[in-house]
Amino acid sequence: MAIETLLNALNGVKRKSQGHHVALCPVHNEKTPSLAVTDAGDGKILLHCFGCGAGAMEIISALGIDASELFPERDCFDFSKSERPRPAFTSQQLLTAIYYETTIVMLIASDILNKRPANFERLARAYKRIEAAVNYEHSFR
């Protein structure tokens, strides 16, 4: 998928610099663009919402786009060789993500204990992200 196709599917798109755009996030209702759209080169498109924390999978799902359309088809991994694909995230980045999501869990737990309205959807998302981060490097071994 060309980045132009994705940008045309979004609302409120503004160009920030070469290959970097912001747009209104299709996952949550917002008035100020908080979705970062980056052309990472080689046809890769990176997506992240700084408003609701949605990642690429949540964003493209809200747009009705298949994940395979974000990445170019290519023969980048020849498993007949001894080389393995390298993780895209360092251990420190994974620990930082776990720390952030754990903070979200603690804040929601505090809301529950203090009988305040709790965002259970965000709690479920935090659990899924922690689980994904914990299991991430195992998929490369």
C-alpha atoms as a PDB file:
ATOM      1  CA  MET A   1       0.000   0.000   0.000  1.00  0.00           C
ATOM      2  CA  ALA A   2       1.300   3.403  -0.886  1.00  0.00           C
ATOM      3  CA  ILE A   3       1.285   5.919   1.937  1.00  0.00           C
ATOM      4  CA  GLU A   4      -0.902   8.170  -0.221  1.00  0.00           C
ATOM      5  CA  THR A   5      -3.637   5.510  -0.214  1.00  0.00           C
ATOM      6  CA  LEU A   6      -3.549   5.340   3.582  1.00  0.00           C
ATOM      7  CA  LEU A   7      -3.514   9.132   3.952  1.00  0.00           C
ATOM      8  CA  ASN A   8      -6.553   9.356   1.658  1.00  0.00           C
ATOM      9  CA  ALA A   9      -8.417   6.956   3.993  1.00  0.00           C
ATOM     10  CA  LEU A  10      -7.764   9.226   6.998  1.00  0.00           C
ATOM     11  CA  ASN A  11      -9.350  12.536   8.005  1.00  0.00           C
ATOM     12  CA  GLY A  12      -7.616  15.752   9.043  1.00  0.00           C
ATOM     13  CA  VAL A  13      -4.264  14.841   7.495  1.00  0.00           C
ATOM     14  CA  LYS A  14      -1.479  17.404   7.890  1.00  0.00           C
ATOM     15  CA  ARG A  15       2.062  17.044   6.536  1.00  0.00           C
ATOM     16  CA  LYS A  16       4.686  17.717   9.224  1.00  0.00           C
ATOM     17  CA  SER A  17       7.812  16.958   7.203  1.00  0.00           C
ATOM     18  CA  GLN A  18       9.001  14.673   4.428  1.00  0.00           C
ATOM     19  CA  GLY A  19       7.410  11.279   5.130  1.00  0.00           C
ATOM     20  CA  HIS A  20       5.788  12.392   8.400  1.00  0.00           C
ATOM     21  CA  HIS A  21       2.097  13.246   8.770  1.00  0.00           C
ATOM     22  CA  VAL A  22      -0.496  13.595  11.526  1.00  0.00           C
ATOM     23  CA  ALA A  23      -4.197  12.825  11.181  1.00  0.00           C
ATOM     24  CA  LEU A  24      -7.364  12.307  13.172  1.00  0.00           C
ATOM     25  CA  CYS A  25      -7.327   8.854  14.742  1.00  0.00           C
ATOM     26  CA  PRO A  26     -10.104   6.576  13.454  1.00  0.00           C
ATOM     27  CA  VAL A  27     -10.045   4.586  16.730  1.00  0.00           C
ATOM     28  CA  HIS A  28     -11.304   7.359  18.992  1.00  0.00           C
ATOM     29  CA  ASN A  29     -13.280  10.578  18.590  1.00  0.00           C
ATOM     30  CA  GLU A  30     -10.941  13.557  18.550  1.00  0.00           C
ATOM     31  CA  LYS A  31     -10.775  17.106  17.240  1.00  0.00           C
ATOM     32  CA  THR A  32      -6.997  17.555  17.226  1.00  0.00           C
ATOM     33  CA  PRO A  33      -4.858  15.158  15.144  1.00  0.00           C
ATOM     34  CA  SER A  34      -2.864  12.790  17.352  1.00  0.00           C
ATOM     35  CA  LEU A  35      -2.219   9.950  14.911  1.00  0.00           C
ATOM     36  CA  ALA A  36       1.356   9.830  13.628  1.00  0.00           C
ATOM     37  CA  VAL A  37       1.791   8.381  10.129  1.00  0.00           C
ATOM     38  CA  THR A  38       5.373   7.797   9.001  1.00  0.00           C
ATOM     39  CA  ASP A  39       6.730   6.516   5.730  1.00  0.00           C
ATOM     40  CA  ALA A  40       9.570   4.314   7.021  1.00  0.00           C
ATOM     41  CA  GLY A  41      10.947   3.609   3.575  1.00  0.00           C
ATOM     42  CA  ASP A  42      10.896   0.367   1.590  1.00  0.00           C
ATOM     43  CA  GLY A  43       7.111   0.748   1.443  1.00  0.00           C
ATOM     44  CA  LYS A  44       6.674   0.347   5.227  1.00  0.00           C
ATOM     45  CA  ILE A  45       4.160   2.601   6.966  1.00  0.00           C
ATOM     46  CA  LEU A  46       4.344   3.206  10.724  1.00  0.00           C
ATOM     47  CA  LEU A  47       1.216   4.231  12.662  1.00  0.00           C
ATOM     48  CA  HIS A  48       0.727   5.283  16.291  1.00  0.00           C
ATOM     49  CA  CYS A  49      -1.907   7.390  18.042  1.00  0.00           C
ATOM     50  CA  PHE A  50      -0.526   9.519  20.836  1.00  0.00           C
ATOM     51  CA  GLY A  51      -4.079  10.335  21.974  1.00  0.00           C
ATOM     52  CA  CYS A  52      -5.464   6.885  22.752  1.00  0.00           C
ATOM     53  CA  GLY A  53      -2.321   4.771  22.415  1.00  0.00           C
ATOM     54  CA  ALA A  54      -3.657   2.780  19.465  1.00  0.00           C
ATOM     55  CA  GLY A  55      -1.094   0.965  17.400  1.00  0.00           C
ATOM     56  CA  ALA A  56      -1.056   0.088  13.730  1.00  0.00           C
ATOM     57  CA  MET A  57      -3.277  -2.980  14.054  1.00  0.00           C
ATOM     58  CA  GLU A  58      -6.054  -1.097  15.872  1.00  0.00           C
ATOM     59  CA  ILE A  59      -5.843   1.822  13.452  1.00  0.00           C
ATOM     60  CA  ILE A  60      -5.967  -0.210  10.255  1.00  0.00           C
ATOM     61  CA  SER A  61      -8.756  -2.344  11.689  1.00  0.00           C
ATOM     62  CA  ALA A  62     -10.805   0.814  12.294  1.00  0.00           C
ATOM     63  CA  LEU A  63     -10.135   1.793   8.668  1.00  0.00           C
ATOM     64  CA  GLY A  64     -11.003  -1.675   7.348  1.00  0.00           C
ATOM     65  CA  ILE A  65      -7.492  -2.226   5.947  1.00  0.00           C
ATOM     66  CA  ASP A  66      -5.721  -5.605   6.007  1.00  0.00           C
ATOM     67  CA  ALA A  67      -2.354  -5.646   7.823  1.00  0.00           C
ATOM     68  CA  SER A  68      -0.580  -7.190   4.854  1.00  0.00           C
ATOM     69  CA  GLU A  69      -1.209  -3.976   2.911  1.00  0.00           C
ATOM     70  CA  LEU A  70       1.121  -1.998   5.229  1.00  0.00           C
ATOM     71  CA  PHE A  71       4.231  -3.946   4.308  1.00  0.00           C
ATOM     72  CA  PRO A  72       5.742  -4.612   0.903  1.00  0.00           C
ATOM     73  CA  GLU A  73       6.083  -8.166  -0.286  1.00  0.00           C
ATOM     74  CA  ARG A  74       9.703  -9.190  -0.519  1.00  0.00           C
ATOM     75  CA  ASP A  75      11.996 -12.120   0.073  1.00  0.00           C
ATOM     76  CA  CYS A  76      13.911 -10.620   2.978  1.00  0.00           C
ATOM     77  CA  PHE A  77      14.328 -13.794   5.029  1.00  0.00           C
ATOM     78  CA  ASP A  78      15.873 -16.900   3.575  1.00  0.00           C
ATOM     79  CA  PHE A  79      15.444 -19.439   6.362  1.00  0.00           C
ATOM     80  CA  SER A  80      17.749 -21.875   4.606  1.00  0.00           C
ATOM     81  CA  LYS A  81      20.588 -19.655   5.812  1.00  0.00           C
ATOM     82  CA  SER A  82      21.692 -19.514   9.423  1.00  0.00           C
ATOM     83  CA  GLU A  83      20.579 -15.876   9.727  1.00  0.00           C
ATOM     84  CA  ARG A  84      17.468 -15.205  11.788  1.00  0.00           C
ATOM     85  CA  PRO A  85      15.296 -12.108  11.628  1.00  0.00           C
ATOM     86  CA  ARG A  86      16.362  -9.616  14.275  1.00  0.00           C
ATOM     87  CA  PRO A  87      13.843  -8.214  16.725  1.00  0.00           C
ATOM     88  CA  ALA A  88      12.636  -4.723  15.858  1.00  0.00           C
ATOM     89  CA  PHE A  89      12.603  -3.727  19.533  1.00  0.00           C
ATOM     90  CA  THR A  90      15.402  -3.809  22.069  1.00  0.00           C
ATOM     91  CA  SER A  91      14.924  -5.371  25.488  1.00  0.00           C
ATOM     92  CA  GLN A  92      14.992  -1.878  26.988  1.00  0.00           C
ATOM     93  CA  GLN A  93      12.173  -0.743  24.697  1.00  0.00           C
ATOM     94  CA  LEU A  94      10.107  -3.787  25.677  1.00  0.00           C
ATOM     95  CA  LEU A  95      10.702  -3.108  29.379  1.00  0.00           C
ATOM     96  CA  THR A  96       9.692   0.527  28.893  1.00  0.00           C
ATOM     97  CA  ALA A  97       6.478  -0.578  27.192  1.00  0.00           C
ATOM     98  CA  ILE A  98       5.720  -3.016  30.027  1.00  0.00           C
ATOM     99  CA  TYR A  99       6.392  -0.267  32.589  1.00  0.00           C
ATOM    100  CA  TYR A 100       4.045   2.140  30.784  1.00  0.00           C
ATOM    101  CA  GLU A 101       1.239  -0.411  30.475  1.00  0.00           C
ATOM    102  CA  THR A 102       1.687  -1.474  34.118  1.00  0.00           C
ATOM    103  CA  THR A 103       1.233   2.171  35.100  1.00  0.00           C
ATOM    104  CA  ILE A 104      -2.043   2.198  33.154  1.00  0.00           C
ATOM    105  CA  VAL A 105      -3.152  -0.957  35.010  1.00  0.00           C
ATOM    106  CA  MET A 106      -2.318   0.662  38.367  1.00  0.00           C
ATOM    107  CA  LEU A 107      -4.259   3.832  37.517  1.00  0.00           C
ATOM    108  CA  ILE A 108      -7.317   1.841  36.469  1.00  0.00           C
ATOM    109  CA  ALA A 109      -7.024  -0.346  39.596  1.00  0.00           C
ATOM    110  CA  SER A 110      -6.989   2.847  41.660  1.00  0.00           C
ATOM    111  CA  ASP A 111     -10.165   3.986  39.911  1.00  0.00           C
ATOM    112  CA  ILE A 112     -11.815   0.657  40.707  1.00  0.00           C
ATOM    113  CA  LEU A 113     -10.726   0.742  44.379  1.00  0.00           C
ATOM    114  CA  ASN A 114     -11.969   4.310  44.749  1.00  0.00           C
ATOM    115  CA  LYS A 115     -15.282   3.436  43.075  1.00  0.00           C
ATOM    116  CA  ARG A 116     -14.637   5.767  40.145  1.00  0.00           C
ATOM    117  CA  PRO A 117     -15.589   4.868  36.571  1.00  0.00           C
ATOM    118  CA  ALA A 118     -12.917   2.581  35.122  1.00  0.00           C
ATOM    119  CA  ASN A 119     -11.901   2.178  31.497  1.00  0.00           C
ATOM    120  CA  PHE A 120     -12.073  -1.608  31.157  1.00  0.00           C
ATOM    121  CA  GLU A 121     -11.354  -1.493  27.415  1.00  0.00           C
ATOM    122  CA  ARG A 122      -8.040   0.255  28.118  1.00  0.00           C
ATOM    123  CA  LEU A 123      -7.322  -2.250  30.899  1.00  0.00           C
ATOM    124  CA  ALA A 124      -7.819  -5.135  28.453  1.00  0.00           C
ATOM    125  CA  ARG A 125      -5.567  -3.386  25.900  1.00  0.00           C
ATOM    126  CA  ALA A 126      -2.862  -2.939  28.565  1.00  0.00           C
ATOM    127  CA  TYR A 127      -3.029  -6.650  29.393  1.00  0.00           C
ATOM    128  CA  LYS A 128      -2.699  -7.598  25.718  1.00  0.00           C
ATOM    129  CA  ARG A 129       0.252  -5.236  25.231  1.00  0.00           C
ATOM    130  CA  ILE A 130       2.070  -6.538  28.315  1.00  0.00           C
ATOM    131  CA  GLU A 131       1.515 -10.111  27.151  1.00  0.00           C
ATOM    132  CA  ALA A 132       2.777  -9.244  23.650  1.00  0.00           C
ATOM    133  CA  ALA A 133       5.885  -7.526  25.045  1.00  0.00           C
ATOM    134  CA  VAL A 134       6.678 -10.449  27.355  1.00  0.00           C
ATOM    135  CA  ASN A 135       6.358 -12.959  24.501  1.00  0.00           C
ATOM    136  CA  TYR A 136       7.958 -10.759  21.814  1.00  0.00           C
ATOM    137  CA  GLU A 137      11.574 -11.950  21.860  1.00  0.00           C
ATOM    138  CA  HIS A 138      10.570 -15.617  22.228  1.00  0.00           C
ATOM    139  CA  SER A 139       9.277 -15.528  18.670  1.00  0.00           C
ATOM    140  CA  PHE A 140      12.817 -14.821  17.416  1.00  0.00           C
ATOM    141  CA  ARG A 141      14.561 -17.702  19.178  1.00  0.00           C
END
